[in-house]
Each structure stands twice: as C-alpha cells, then as structure tokens.
Amino acid sequence: FFTFSRSAWLAFVLWLCVLCSRRFFDLESTRIKVLCFSSLIFVFL
C-alpha cells in the first residue's frame, strides 16, 4: 500500500480474484475466505 504503485495494487487484486475463483466454493476454502476478507478489511483501514 505504501508503495502507491497502482499497477502493483491492481495485480494483487487480480491475484485475490484468482484465488477466489479457483477454490472459493470448495469445502476447504475457509482459509481463502479468511485471507480475502481480512485483506480487504485491512486495505480499507
């Protein structure tokens, strides 16, 4: 966040989307849910 590199921010958001799209609805997707939601909350803060 402190780099203020917009391209790096966009790439990280796309990476989270990749994680969600691959395993978000799997039975073992708890960690991905925790990771994605906590990352978004932290970024918003």
All heavy atoms as atom14 arrays in JSON, in Angstrom:
{
  "sequence": "FFTFSRSAWLAFVLWLCVLCSRRFFDLESTRIKVLCFSSLIFVFL",
  "atom14_mask": [
    [1, 1, 1, 1, 1, 1, 1, 1, 1, 1, 1, 0, 0, 0],
    [1, 1, 1, 1, 1, 1, 1, 1, 1, 1, 1, 0, 0, 0],
    [1, 1, 1, 1, 1, 1, 1, 0, 0, 0, 0, 0, 0, 0],
    [1, 1, 1, 1, 1, 1, 1, 1, 1, 1, 1, 0, 0, 0],
    [1, 1, 1, 1, 1, 1, 0, 0, 0, 0, 0, 0, 0, 0],
    [1, 1, 1, 1, 1, 1, 1, 1, 1, 1, 1, 0, 0, 0],
    [1, 1, 1, 1, 1, 1, 0, 0, 0, 0, 0, 0, 0, 0],
    [1, 1, 1, 1, 1, 0, 0, 0, 0, 0, 0, 0, 0, 0],
    [1, 1, 1, 1, 1, 1, 1, 1, 1, 1, 1, 1, 1, 1],
    [1, 1, 1, 1, 1, 1, 1, 1, 0, 0, 0, 0, 0, 0],
    [1, 1, 1, 1, 1, 0, 0, 0, 0, 0, 0, 0, 0, 0],
    [1, 1, 1, 1, 1, 1, 1, 1, 1, 1, 1, 0, 0, 0],
    [1, 1, 1, 1, 1, 1, 1, 0, 0, 0, 0, 0, 0, 0],
    [1, 1, 1, 1, 1, 1, 1, 1, 0, 0, 0, 0, 0, 0],
    [1, 1, 1, 1, 1, 1, 1, 1, 1, 1, 1, 1, 1, 1],
    [1, 1, 1, 1, 1, 1, 1, 1, 0, 0, 0, 0, 0, 0],
    [1, 1, 1, 1, 1, 1, 0, 0, 0, 0, 0, 0, 0, 0],
    [1, 1, 1, 1, 1, 1, 1, 0, 0, 0, 0, 0, 0, 0],
    [1, 1, 1, 1, 1, 1, 1, 1, 0, 0, 0, 0, 0, 0],
    [1, 1, 1, 1, 1, 1, 0, 0, 0, 0, 0, 0, 0, 0],
    [1, 1, 1, 1, 1, 1, 0, 0, 0, 0, 0, 0, 0, 0],
    [1, 1, 1, 1, 1, 1, 1, 1, 1, 1, 1, 0, 0, 0],
    [1, 1, 1, 1, 1, 1, 1, 1, 1, 1, 1, 0, 0, 0],
    [1, 1, 1, 1, 1, 1, 1, 1, 1, 1, 1, 0, 0, 0],
    [1, 1, 1, 1, 1, 1, 1, 1, 1, 1, 1, 0, 0, 0],
    [1, 1, 1, 1, 1, 1, 1, 1, 0, 0, 0, 0, 0, 0],
    [1, 1, 1, 1, 1, 1, 1, 1, 0, 0, 0, 0, 0, 0],
    [1, 1, 1, 1, 1, 1, 1, 1, 1, 0, 0, 0, 0, 0],
    [1, 1, 1, 1, 1, 1, 0, 0, 0, 0, 0, 0, 0, 0],
    [1, 1, 1, 1, 1, 1, 1, 0, 0, 0, 0, 0, 0, 0],
    [1, 1, 1, 1, 1, 1, 1, 1, 1, 1, 1, 0, 0, 0],
    [1, 1, 1, 1, 1, 1, 1, 1, 0, 0, 0, 0, 0, 0],
    [1, 1, 1, 1, 1, 1, 1, 1, 1, 0, 0, 0, 0, 0],
    [1, 1, 1, 1, 1, 1, 1, 0, 0, 0, 0, 0, 0, 0],
    [1, 1, 1, 1, 1, 1, 1, 1, 0, 0, 0, 0, 0, 0],
    [1, 1, 1, 1, 1, 1, 0, 0, 0, 0, 0, 0, 0, 0],
    [1, 1, 1, 1, 1, 1, 1, 1, 1, 1, 1, 0, 0, 0],
    [1, 1, 1, 1, 1, 1, 0, 0, 0, 0, 0, 0, 0, 0],
    [1, 1, 1, 1, 1, 1, 0, 0, 0, 0, 0, 0, 0, 0],
    [1, 1, 1, 1, 1, 1, 1, 1, 0, 0, 0, 0, 0, 0],
    [1, 1, 1, 1, 1, 1, 1, 1, 0, 0, 0, 0, 0, 0],
    [1, 1, 1, 1, 1, 1, 1, 1, 1, 1, 1, 0, 0, 0],
    [1, 1, 1, 1, 1, 1, 1, 0, 0, 0, 0, 0, 0, 0],
    [1, 1, 1, 1, 1, 1, 1, 1, 1, 1, 1, 0, 0, 0],
    [1, 1, 1, 1, 1, 1, 1, 1, 0, 0, 0, 0, 0, 0]
  ],
  "atom14_positions": [
    [[0.84, -1.21, 0.0], [0.0, 0.0, 0.0], [0.87, 1.25, 0.0], [0.6, 2.21, -0.73], [-0.92, -0.01, 1.23], [-1.89, 1.13, 1.27], [-3.13, 1.03, 0.65], [-1.57, 2.32, 1.91], [-4.03, 2.09, 0.67], [-2.44, 3.39, 1.95], [-3.68, 3.27, 1.32], [0.0, 0.0, 0.0], [0.0, 0.0, 0.0], [0.0, 0.0, 0.0]],
    [[1.94, 1.25, 0.79], [2.79, 2.44, 0.93], [3.67, 2.68, -0.3], [4.28, 3.74, -0.4], [3.66, 2.32, 2.18], [2.89, 2.45, 3.46], [3.36, 1.87, 4.64], [1.69, 3.15, 3.5], [2.65, 2.0, 5.82], [0.97, 3.27, 4.69], [1.45, 2.69, 5.85], [0.0, 0.0, 0.0], [0.0, 0.0, 0.0], [0.0, 0.0, 0.0]],
    [[3.76, 1.71, -1.22], [4.47, 1.99, -2.47], [3.65, 2.91, -3.37], [4.2, 3.58, -4.25], [4.76, 0.7, -3.26], [3.53, 0.08, -3.66], [5.6, -0.27, -2.45], [0.0, 0.0, 0.0], [0.0, 0.0, 0.0], [0.0, 0.0, 0.0], [0.0, 0.0, 0.0], [0.0, 0.0, 0.0], [0.0, 0.0, 0.0], [0.0, 0.0, 0.0]],
    [[2.32, 2.92, -3.18], [1.4, 3.69, -4.01], [1.62, 3.38, -5.49], [1.52, 4.26, -6.35], [1.52, 5.19, -3.72], [0.97, 5.57, -2.38], [1.81, 5.62, -1.26], [-0.37, 5.83, -2.21], [1.3, 5.93, -0.01], [-0.89, 6.15, -0.96], [-0.05, 6.21, 0.14], [0.0, 0.0, 0.0], [0.0, 0.0, 0.0], [0.0, 0.0, 0.0]],
    [[1.93, 2.11, -5.76], [2.09, 1.64, -7.14], [0.75, 1.08, -7.6], [0.33, 0.0, -7.16], [3.17, 0.55, -7.2], [3.24, -0.02, -8.48], [0.0, 0.0, 0.0], [0.0, 0.0, 0.0], [0.0, 0.0, 0.0], [0.0, 0.0, 0.0], [0.0, 0.0, 0.0], [0.0, 0.0, 0.0], [0.0, 0.0, 0.0], [0.0, 0.0, 0.0]],
    [[0.06, 1.81, -8.47], [-1.29, 1.42, -8.87], [-1.29, 0.1, -9.64], [-2.21, -0.7, -9.49], [-1.9, 2.54, -9.72], [-2.24, 3.78, -8.91], [-2.63, 4.94, -9.78], [-1.52, 5.39, -10.61], [-1.32, 6.66, -10.96], [-2.14, 7.59, -10.52], [-0.3, 6.99, -11.73], [0.0, 0.0, 0.0], [0.0, 0.0, 0.0], [0.0, 0.0, 0.0]],
    [[-0.27, -0.13, -10.46], [-0.22, -1.38, -11.21], [-0.01, -2.58, -10.28], [-0.6, -3.65, -10.49], [0.89, -1.33, -12.26], [2.12, -1.03, -11.66], [0.0, 0.0, 0.0], [0.0, 0.0, 0.0], [0.0, 0.0, 0.0], [0.0, 0.0, 0.0], [0.0, 0.0, 0.0], [0.0, 0.0, 0.0], [0.0, 0.0, 0.0], [0.0, 0.0, 0.0]],
    [[0.8, -2.4, -9.24], [1.02, -3.49, -8.27], [-0.25, -3.75, -7.47], [-0.58, -4.89, -7.16], [2.18, -3.14, -7.34], [0.0, 0.0, 0.0], [0.0, 0.0, 0.0], [0.0, 0.0, 0.0], [0.0, 0.0, 0.0], [0.0, 0.0, 0.0], [0.0, 0.0, 0.0], [0.0, 0.0, 0.0], [0.0, 0.0, 0.0], [0.0, 0.0, 0.0]],
    [[-0.97, -2.67, -7.11], [-2.26, -2.84, -6.42], [-3.23, -3.64, -7.27], [-3.87, -4.58, -6.79], [-2.88, -1.48, -6.11], [-2.19, -0.68, -5.05], [-1.23, -1.13, -4.19], [-2.41, 0.69, -4.73], [-0.84, -0.12, -3.36], [-1.54, 1.01, -3.67], [-3.24, 1.68, -5.23], [-1.5, 2.28, -3.09], [-3.2, 2.95, -4.67], [-2.34, 3.24, -3.61]],
    [[-3.35, -3.25, -8.53], [-4.27, -3.94, -9.44], [-3.89, -5.42, -9.58], [-4.76, -6.3, -9.56], [-4.27, -3.26, -10.8], [-5.1, -3.92, -11.9], [-6.57, -3.95, -11.51], [-4.92, -3.19, -13.23], [0.0, 0.0, 0.0], [0.0, 0.0, 0.0], [0.0, 0.0, 0.0], [0.0, 0.0, 0.0], [0.0, 0.0, 0.0], [0.0, 0.0, 0.0]],
    [[-2.6, -5.69, -9.71], [-2.14, -7.07, -9.86], [-2.47, -7.9, -8.61], [-2.85, -9.07, -8.72], [-0.63, -7.1, -10.12], [0.0, 0.0, 0.0], [0.0, 0.0, 0.0], [0.0, 0.0, 0.0], [0.0, 0.0, 0.0], [0.0, 0.0, 0.0], [0.0, 0.0, 0.0], [0.0, 0.0, 0.0], [0.0, 0.0, 0.0], [0.0, 0.0, 0.0]],
    [[-2.35, -7.3, -7.42], [-2.67, -8.03, -6.2], [-4.16, -8.33, -6.11], [-4.56, -9.43, -5.69], [-2.2, -7.25, -4.97], [-2.52, -7.92, -3.66], [-1.99, -9.17, -3.37], [-3.35, -7.33, -2.74], [-2.28, -9.82, -2.17], [-3.65, -7.96, -1.53], [-3.11, -9.21, -1.26], [0.0, 0.0, 0.0], [0.0, 0.0, 0.0], [0.0, 0.0, 0.0]],
    [[-4.99, -7.38, -6.5], [-6.45, -7.6, -6.51], [-6.79, -8.74, -7.47], [-7.6, -9.61, -7.16], [-7.2, -6.31, -6.9], [-8.68, -6.6, -7.12], [-7.04, -5.25, -5.82], [0.0, 0.0, 0.0], [0.0, 0.0, 0.0], [0.0, 0.0, 0.0], [0.0, 0.0, 0.0], [0.0, 0.0, 0.0], [0.0, 0.0, 0.0], [0.0, 0.0, 0.0]],
    [[-6.15, -8.75, -8.64], [-6.38, -9.82, -9.6], [-5.94, -11.17, -9.03], [-6.58, -12.2, -9.28], [-5.64, -9.53, -10.91], [-6.17, -8.35, -11.73], [-5.27, -8.08, -12.93], [-7.59, -8.61, -12.19], [0.0, 0.0, 0.0], [0.0, 0.0, 0.0], [0.0, 0.0, 0.0], [0.0, 0.0, 0.0], [0.0, 0.0, 0.0], [0.0, 0.0, 0.0]],
    [[-4.84, -11.16, -8.28], [-4.37, -12.41, -7.66], [-5.39, -12.93, -6.65], [-5.66, -14.14, -6.59], [-3.02, -12.19, -7.0], [-2.57, -13.32, -6.12], [-2.37, -13.3, -4.77], [-2.3, -14.67, -6.52], [-1.98, -14.53, -4.31], [-1.93, -15.4, -5.37], [-2.32, -15.33, -7.75], [-1.6, -16.74, -5.41], [-1.99, -16.68, -7.78], [-1.64, -17.37, -6.62]],
    [[-5.97, -12.04, -5.85], [-7.01, -12.47, -4.91], [-8.22, -13.03, -5.66], [-8.85, -14.0, -5.21], [-7.44, -11.3, -4.02], [-6.41, -10.79, -2.99], [-7.0, -9.64, -2.18], [-5.96, -11.92, -2.06], [0.0, 0.0, 0.0], [0.0, 0.0, 0.0], [0.0, 0.0, 0.0], [0.0, 0.0, 0.0], [0.0, 0.0, 0.0], [0.0, 0.0, 0.0]],
    [[-8.57, -12.43, -6.79], [-9.68, -12.92, -7.6], [-9.39, -14.33, -8.13], [-10.28, -15.18, -8.19], [-9.96, -11.97, -8.76], [-10.63, -10.37, -8.28], [0.0, 0.0, 0.0], [0.0, 0.0, 0.0], [0.0, 0.0, 0.0], [0.0, 0.0, 0.0], [0.0, 0.0, 0.0], [0.0, 0.0, 0.0], [0.0, 0.0, 0.0], [0.0, 0.0, 0.0]],
    [[-8.13, -14.57, -8.5], [-7.74, -15.9, -8.96], [-7.92, -16.93, -7.85], [-8.47, -18.02, -8.06], [-6.28, -15.9, -9.46], [-5.77, -17.32, -9.68], [-6.16, -15.1, -10.75], [0.0, 0.0, 0.0], [0.0, 0.0, 0.0], [0.0, 0.0, 0.0], [0.0, 0.0, 0.0], [0.0, 0.0, 0.0], [0.0, 0.0, 0.0], [0.0, 0.0, 0.0]],
    [[-7.49, -16.56, -6.65], [-7.65, -17.47, -5.51], [-9.12, -17.77, -5.25], [-9.52, -18.92, -5.04], [-7.01, -16.87, -4.26], [-5.49, -16.88, -4.16], [-5.05, -16.21, -2.86], [-4.95, -18.31, -4.2], [0.0, 0.0, 0.0], [0.0, 0.0, 0.0], [0.0, 0.0, 0.0], [0.0, 0.0, 0.0], [0.0, 0.0, 0.0], [0.0, 0.0, 0.0]],
    [[-9.94, -16.73, -5.29], [-11.37, -16.91, -5.01], [-12.05, -17.74, -6.09], [-12.86, -18.62, -5.79], [-12.06, -15.55, -4.91], [-11.57, -14.59, -3.47], [0.0, 0.0, 0.0], [0.0, 0.0, 0.0], [0.0, 0.0, 0.0], [0.0, 0.0, 0.0], [0.0, 0.0, 0.0], [0.0, 0.0, 0.0], [0.0, 0.0, 0.0], [0.0, 0.0, 0.0]],
    [[-11.73, -17.49, -7.33], [-12.41, -18.18, -8.43], [-12.05, -19.66, -8.47], [-12.85, -20.48, -8.9], [-12.05, -17.53, -9.77], [-10.66, -17.64, -10.01], [0.0, 0.0, 0.0], [0.0, 0.0, 0.0], [0.0, 0.0, 0.0], [0.0, 0.0, 0.0], [0.0, 0.0, 0.0], [0.0, 0.0, 0.0], [0.0, 0.0, 0.0], [0.0, 0.0, 0.0]],
    [[-10.86, -20.03, -8.01], [-10.45, -21.42, -8.08], [-11.0, -22.26, -6.94], [-11.39, -23.4, -7.13], [-8.91, -21.53, -8.07], [-8.27, -21.15, -9.39], [-6.89, -21.74, -9.5], [-6.93, -23.2, -9.44], [-5.84, -23.96, -9.48], [-4.66, -23.41, -9.57], [-5.94, -25.27, -9.43], [0.0, 0.0, 0.0], [0.0, 0.0, 0.0], [0.0, 0.0, 0.0]],
    [[-11.06, -21.69, -5.71], [-11.38, -22.55, -4.57], [-12.4, -21.94, -3.61], [-12.58, -22.44, -2.51], [-10.09, -22.87, -3.8], [-9.12, -23.73, -4.58], [-7.85, -23.97, -3.8], [-8.13, -24.56, -2.5], [-7.18, -24.85, -1.6], [-5.92, -24.61, -1.89], [-7.5, -25.38, -0.45], [0.0, 0.0, 0.0], [0.0, 0.0, 0.0], [0.0, 0.0, 0.0]],
    [[-13.07, -20.87, -4.03], [-13.95, -20.18, -3.07], [-15.11, -21.06, -2.62], [-15.57, -20.96, -1.5], [-14.48, -18.89, -3.7], [-15.13, -17.97, -2.71], [-14.36, -17.12, -1.94], [-16.49, -17.97, -2.52], [-14.93, -16.28, -1.02], [-17.09, -17.13, -1.6], [-16.31, -16.28, -0.86], [0.0, 0.0, 0.0], [0.0, 0.0, 0.0], [0.0, 0.0, 0.0]],
    [[-15.58, -21.93, -3.52], [-16.75, -22.76, -3.18], [-16.36, -24.17, -2.79], [-17.22, -25.03, -2.63], [-17.73, -22.79, -4.36], [-18.29, -21.45, -4.71], [-17.83, -20.74, -5.8], [-19.28, -20.88, -3.92], [-18.35, -19.49, -6.11], [-19.81, -19.65, -4.23], [-19.34, -18.94, -5.33], [0.0, 0.0, 0.0], [0.0, 0.0, 0.0], [0.0, 0.0, 0.0]],
    [[-15.08, -24.44, -2.63], [-14.65, -25.76, -2.16], [-14.95, -25.9, -0.68], [-15.11, -24.93, 0.05], [-13.15, -25.96, -2.4], [-12.84, -26.07, -3.89], [-13.81, -26.14, -4.67], [-11.66, -26.09, -4.25], [0.0, 0.0, 0.0], [0.0, 0.0, 0.0], [0.0, 0.0, 0.0], [0.0, 0.0, 0.0], [0.0, 0.0, 0.0], [0.0, 0.0, 0.0]],
    [[-14.99, -27.16, -0.25], [-15.22, -27.42, 1.17], [-14.06, -26.94, 2.02], [-14.22, -26.63, 3.19], [-15.46, -28.92, 1.39], [-16.74, -29.5, 0.75], [-16.8, -31.0, 0.95], [-17.97, -28.82, 1.34], [0.0, 0.0, 0.0], [0.0, 0.0, 0.0], [0.0, 0.0, 0.0], [0.0, 0.0, 0.0], [0.0, 0.0, 0.0], [0.0, 0.0, 0.0]],
    [[-12.84, -26.88, 1.45], [-11.66, -26.48, 2.21], [-11.24, -25.05, 1.88], [-10.07, -24.71, 1.84], [-10.51, -27.43, 1.9], [-10.79, -28.89, 2.26], [-9.64, -29.8, 1.89], [-8.66, -29.28, 1.32], [-9.72, -31.0, 2.16], [0.0, 0.0, 0.0], [0.0, 0.0, 0.0], [0.0, 0.0, 0.0], [0.0, 0.0, 0.0], [0.0, 0.0, 0.0]],
    [[-12.24, -24.2, 1.66], [-11.93, -22.84, 1.23], [-11.96, -21.83, 2.37], [-11.95, -20.63, 2.13], [-12.92, -22.4, 0.15], [-14.24, -22.39, 0.69], [0.0, 0.0, 0.0], [0.0, 0.0, 0.0], [0.0, 0.0, 0.0], [0.0, 0.0, 0.0], [0.0, 0.0, 0.0], [0.0, 0.0, 0.0], [0.0, 0.0, 0.0], [0.0, 0.0, 0.0]],
    [[-12.01, -22.31, 3.62], [-12.09, -21.39, 4.76], [-10.92, -20.43, 4.8], [-11.09, -19.23, 5.05], [-12.14, -22.19, 6.08], [-13.21, -23.12, 6.02], [-12.33, -21.24, 7.26], [0.0, 0.0, 0.0], [0.0, 0.0, 0.0], [0.0, 0.0, 0.0], [0.0, 0.0, 0.0], [0.0, 0.0, 0.0], [0.0, 0.0, 0.0], [0.0, 0.0, 0.0]],
    [[-9.73, -20.94, 4.55], [-8.55, -20.08, 4.61], [-8.59, -19.0, 3.52], [-8.15, -17.89, 3.75], [-7.28, -20.93, 4.46], [-6.93, -21.71, 5.7], [-5.68, -22.54, 5.5], [-5.32, -23.21, 6.73], [-4.54, -22.69, 7.66], [-4.05, -21.48, 7.5], [-4.24, -23.36, 8.75], [0.0, 0.0, 0.0], [0.0, 0.0, 0.0], [0.0, 0.0, 0.0]],
    [[-9.09, -19.36, 2.34], [-9.18, -18.36, 1.28], [-10.17, -17.27, 1.65], [-9.94, -16.08, 1.43], [-9.56, -19.02, -0.05], [-8.45, -19.95, -0.51], [-9.85, -17.98, -1.12], [-8.71, -20.64, -1.82], [0.0, 0.0, 0.0], [0.0, 0.0, 0.0], [0.0, 0.0, 0.0], [0.0, 0.0, 0.0], [0.0, 0.0, 0.0], [0.0, 0.0, 0.0]],
    [[-11.29, -17.66, 2.24], [-12.29, -16.67, 2.68], [-11.68, -15.74, 3.73], [-11.83, -14.51, 3.66], [-13.51, -17.37, 3.25], [-14.32, -18.14, 2.22], [-15.51, -18.82, 2.88], [-16.33, -19.6, 1.86], [-17.48, -20.3, 2.48], [0.0, 0.0, 0.0], [0.0, 0.0, 0.0], [0.0, 0.0, 0.0], [0.0, 0.0, 0.0], [0.0, 0.0, 0.0]],
    [[-11.0, -16.34, 4.72], [-10.38, -15.54, 5.77], [-9.34, -14.59, 5.17], [-9.29, -13.4, 5.51], [-9.72, -16.46, 6.83], [-8.86, -15.64, 7.79], [-10.78, -17.22, 7.6], [0.0, 0.0, 0.0], [0.0, 0.0, 0.0], [0.0, 0.0, 0.0], [0.0, 0.0, 0.0], [0.0, 0.0, 0.0], [0.0, 0.0, 0.0], [0.0, 0.0, 0.0]],
    [[-8.52, -15.12, 4.27], [-7.46, -14.32, 3.66], [-8.03, -13.15, 2.86], [-7.61, -12.01, 3.01], [-6.6, -15.2, 2.77], [-5.52, -14.51, 1.95], [-4.45, -13.93, 2.86], [-4.89, -15.46, 0.95], [0.0, 0.0, 0.0], [0.0, 0.0, 0.0], [0.0, 0.0, 0.0], [0.0, 0.0, 0.0], [0.0, 0.0, 0.0], [0.0, 0.0, 0.0]],
    [[-9.01, -13.43, 2.0], [-9.55, -12.39, 1.12], [-10.29, -11.32, 1.9], [-10.07, -10.12, 1.69], [-10.47, -13.02, 0.07], [-9.6, -14.05, -1.14], [0.0, 0.0, 0.0], [0.0, 0.0, 0.0], [0.0, 0.0, 0.0], [0.0, 0.0, 0.0], [0.0, 0.0, 0.0], [0.0, 0.0, 0.0], [0.0, 0.0, 0.0], [0.0, 0.0, 0.0]],
    [[-11.15, -11.73, 2.81], [-11.94, -10.75, 3.56], [-11.07, -9.93, 4.51], [-11.23, -8.71, 4.63], [-13.06, -11.45, 4.34], [-14.19, -11.91, 3.47], [-14.61, -13.23, 3.52], [-14.82, -11.05, 2.6], [-15.65, -13.68, 2.71], [-15.87, -11.48, 1.78], [-16.28, -12.8, 1.84], [0.0, 0.0, 0.0], [0.0, 0.0, 0.0], [0.0, 0.0, 0.0]],
    [[-10.12, -10.58, 5.17], [-9.25, -9.84, 6.09], [-8.33, -8.89, 5.31], [-8.05, -7.77, 5.78], [-8.41, -10.81, 6.92], [-7.64, -11.67, 6.1], [0.0, 0.0, 0.0], [0.0, 0.0, 0.0], [0.0, 0.0, 0.0], [0.0, 0.0, 0.0], [0.0, 0.0, 0.0], [0.0, 0.0, 0.0], [0.0, 0.0, 0.0], [0.0, 0.0, 0.0]],
    [[-7.89, -9.31, 4.11], [-7.06, -8.44, 3.28], [-7.83, -7.2, 2.86], [-7.31, -6.07, 2.93], [-6.56, -9.19, 2.05], [-5.74, -10.28, 2.41], [0.0, 0.0, 0.0], [0.0, 0.0, 0.0], [0.0, 0.0, 0.0], [0.0, 0.0, 0.0], [0.0, 0.0, 0.0], [0.0, 0.0, 0.0], [0.0, 0.0, 0.0], [0.0, 0.0, 0.0]],
    [[-9.07, -7.39, 2.45], [-9.89, -6.26, 2.03], [-10.17, -5.31, 3.19], [-10.1, -4.08, 3.04], [-11.2, -6.75, 1.42], [-11.08, -7.47, 0.07], [-12.43, -8.01, -0.38], [-10.52, -6.52, -0.99], [0.0, 0.0, 0.0], [0.0, 0.0, 0.0], [0.0, 0.0, 0.0], [0.0, 0.0, 0.0], [0.0, 0.0, 0.0], [0.0, 0.0, 0.0]],
    [[-10.48, -5.86, 4.35], [-10.73, -5.02, 5.53], [-9.48, -4.23, 5.9], [-9.53, -3.03, 6.21], [-11.2, -5.9, 6.71], [-12.59, -6.46, 6.43], [-11.21, -5.09, 8.01], [-13.07, -7.47, 7.45], [0.0, 0.0, 0.0], [0.0, 0.0, 0.0], [0.0, 0.0, 0.0], [0.0, 0.0, 0.0], [0.0, 0.0, 0.0], [0.0, 0.0, 0.0]],
    [[-8.33, -4.89, 5.86], [-7.06, -4.24, 6.2], [-6.74, -3.12, 5.2], [-6.3, -2.04, 5.58], [-5.95, -5.28, 6.21], [-4.65, -4.78, 6.77], [-4.6, -4.09, 7.98], [-3.46, -4.99, 6.1], [-3.41, -3.63, 8.5], [-2.25, -4.54, 6.6], [-2.23, -3.85, 7.8], [0.0, 0.0, 0.0], [0.0, 0.0, 0.0], [0.0, 0.0, 0.0]],
    [[-7.0, -3.39, 3.92], [-6.76, -2.36, 2.9], [-7.69, -1.17, 3.09], [-7.28, -0.01, 2.96], [-6.93, -2.97, 1.49], [-6.98, -1.87, 0.42], [-5.79, -3.94, 1.18], [0.0, 0.0, 0.0], [0.0, 0.0, 0.0], [0.0, 0.0, 0.0], [0.0, 0.0, 0.0], [0.0, 0.0, 0.0], [0.0, 0.0, 0.0], [0.0, 0.0, 0.0]],
    [[-8.93, -1.43, 3.43], [-9.89, -0.34, 3.66], [-9.46, 0.51, 4.87], [-9.61, 1.74, 4.85], [-11.3, -0.89, 3.89], [-12.0, -1.28, 2.63], [-12.62, -2.51, 2.51], [-12.03, -0.41, 1.54], [-13.26, -2.87, 1.34], [-12.68, -0.76, 0.35], [-13.29, -1.99, 0.25], [0.0, 0.0, 0.0], [0.0, 0.0, 0.0], [0.0, 0.0, 0.0]],
    [[-8.92, -0.12, 5.9], [-8.43, 0.63, 7.06], [-7.25, 1.51, 6.67], [-7.18, 2.68, 7.06], [-8.02, -0.34, 8.17], [-9.16, -1.04, 8.92], [-8.6, -2.08, 9.9], [-10.0, -0.02, 9.69], [0.0, 0.0, 0.0], [0.0, 0.0, 0.0], [0.0, 0.0, 0.0], [0.0, 0.0, 0.0], [0.0, 0.0, 0.0], [0.0, 0.0, 0.0]]
  ]
}
